[in-house]
């Protein structure tokens, strides 16, 4: 849900990190997020690269995209850990 507080917190963290608009949407490939969400574990997906190539024999990534992806995942980890229920801000 794009209005979920964890999603909004993660989205804000990514936009702050990258200094630009970050779009939200749904991936066209499978992850474990759906199964985790059904058990009550909140999930937010973020990854660099070309979505059309994910989980195919042509999957690859530019080094610059990998570096941005690592920074984005660190920003998400910090933002979402601090936004989790029962955690101090």
Protein backbone atom coordinates (compact mmCIF):
# COMPACT_ATOMS: atom_id res chain seq x y z
CA UNK A 1 0.00 0.00 0.00
CA UNK A 2 1.63 3.25 -1.11
CA UNK A 3 0.02 5.01 1.85
CA UNK A 4 1.50 2.65 4.46
CA UNK A 5 3.68 4.52 6.99
CA UNK A 6 6.64 2.16 6.41
CA UNK A 7 6.39 2.61 2.65
CA UNK A 8 6.17 6.38 3.03
CA UNK A 9 9.15 6.42 5.39
CA UNK A 10 11.24 4.32 3.00
CA UNK A 11 10.16 6.41 0.02
CA UNK A 12 11.13 9.61 1.82
CA UNK A 13 14.52 8.15 2.77
CA UNK A 14 15.25 7.23 -0.86
CA UNK A 15 14.19 10.62 -2.20
CA UNK A 16 16.34 12.36 0.41
CA UNK A 17 19.33 10.16 -0.41
CA UNK A 18 19.08 10.52 -4.18
CA UNK A 19 17.84 14.12 -4.24
CA UNK A 20 15.19 13.30 -6.83
CA UNK A 21 11.72 11.83 -7.23
CA UNK A 22 11.60 8.08 -6.71
CA UNK A 23 8.64 6.32 -8.30
CA UNK A 24 6.59 3.67 -6.52
CA UNK A 25 4.94 0.72 -8.19
CA UNK A 26 4.84 -3.05 -8.41
CA UNK A 27 7.43 -5.44 -9.79
CA UNK A 28 6.51 -7.75 -12.64
CA UNK A 29 8.65 -10.58 -11.28
CA UNK A 30 8.40 -12.82 -8.24
CA UNK A 31 9.98 -12.19 -4.84
CA UNK A 32 9.44 -13.69 -1.39
CA UNK A 33 7.74 -10.42 -0.37
CA UNK A 34 4.26 -11.74 -1.10
CA UNK A 35 4.71 -14.80 1.08
CA UNK A 36 6.27 -12.76 3.89
CA UNK A 37 3.48 -10.17 3.71
CA UNK A 38 0.86 -12.93 4.05
CA UNK A 39 2.48 -13.91 7.37
CA UNK A 40 2.30 -10.32 8.63
CA UNK A 41 5.88 -9.30 7.88
CA UNK A 42 5.85 -5.85 6.25
CA UNK A 43 7.84 -5.78 3.00
CA UNK A 44 9.23 -2.99 0.86
CA UNK A 45 11.06 -3.78 -2.35
CA UNK A 46 13.92 -1.73 -3.75
CA UNK A 47 16.56 -2.74 -6.25
CA UNK A 48 18.72 -1.24 -8.96
CA UNK A 49 18.97 -2.52 -12.51
CA UNK A 50 16.65 -3.23 -15.40
CA UNK A 51 13.45 -4.92 -14.20
CA UNK A 52 12.95 -6.55 -17.62
CA UNK A 53 16.13 -8.58 -17.10
CA UNK A 54 15.56 -9.73 -13.51
CA UNK A 55 15.73 -13.50 -13.03
CA UNK A 56 16.66 -14.10 -16.68
CA UNK A 57 19.86 -15.35 -18.33
CA UNK A 58 20.46 -11.74 -19.50
CA UNK A 59 20.38 -10.26 -15.99
CA UNK A 60 23.21 -7.80 -15.40
CA UNK A 61 23.82 -4.53 -13.61
CA UNK A 62 25.99 -1.47 -14.10
CA UNK A 63 28.51 -0.86 -11.30
CA UNK A 64 27.09 2.65 -10.73
CA UNK A 65 23.60 1.15 -10.33
CA UNK A 66 24.95 -1.41 -7.85
CA UNK A 67 26.58 1.34 -5.77
CA UNK A 68 23.33 3.34 -5.77
CA UNK A 69 21.42 0.19 -4.85
CA UNK A 70 23.70 -0.49 -1.90
CA UNK A 71 23.30 3.10 -0.66
CA UNK A 72 19.52 2.89 -1.13
CA UNK A 73 19.28 -0.35 0.82
CA UNK A 74 21.31 1.16 3.67
CA UNK A 75 19.01 4.21 3.72
CA UNK A 76 15.97 1.91 3.78
CA UNK A 77 17.39 -0.21 6.59
CA UNK A 78 17.97 2.86 8.73
CA UNK A 79 14.64 4.53 7.91
CA UNK A 80 12.53 1.39 8.32
CA UNK A 81 14.24 0.24 11.51
CA UNK A 82 13.49 3.62 13.06
CA UNK A 83 9.91 3.55 11.76
CA UNK A 84 9.03 0.09 13.04
CA UNK A 85 6.40 -0.19 15.77
CA UNK A 86 7.94 -0.09 19.22
CA UNK A 87 11.17 1.49 18.01
CA UNK A 88 12.26 4.95 19.16
CA UNK A 89 12.56 7.63 16.48
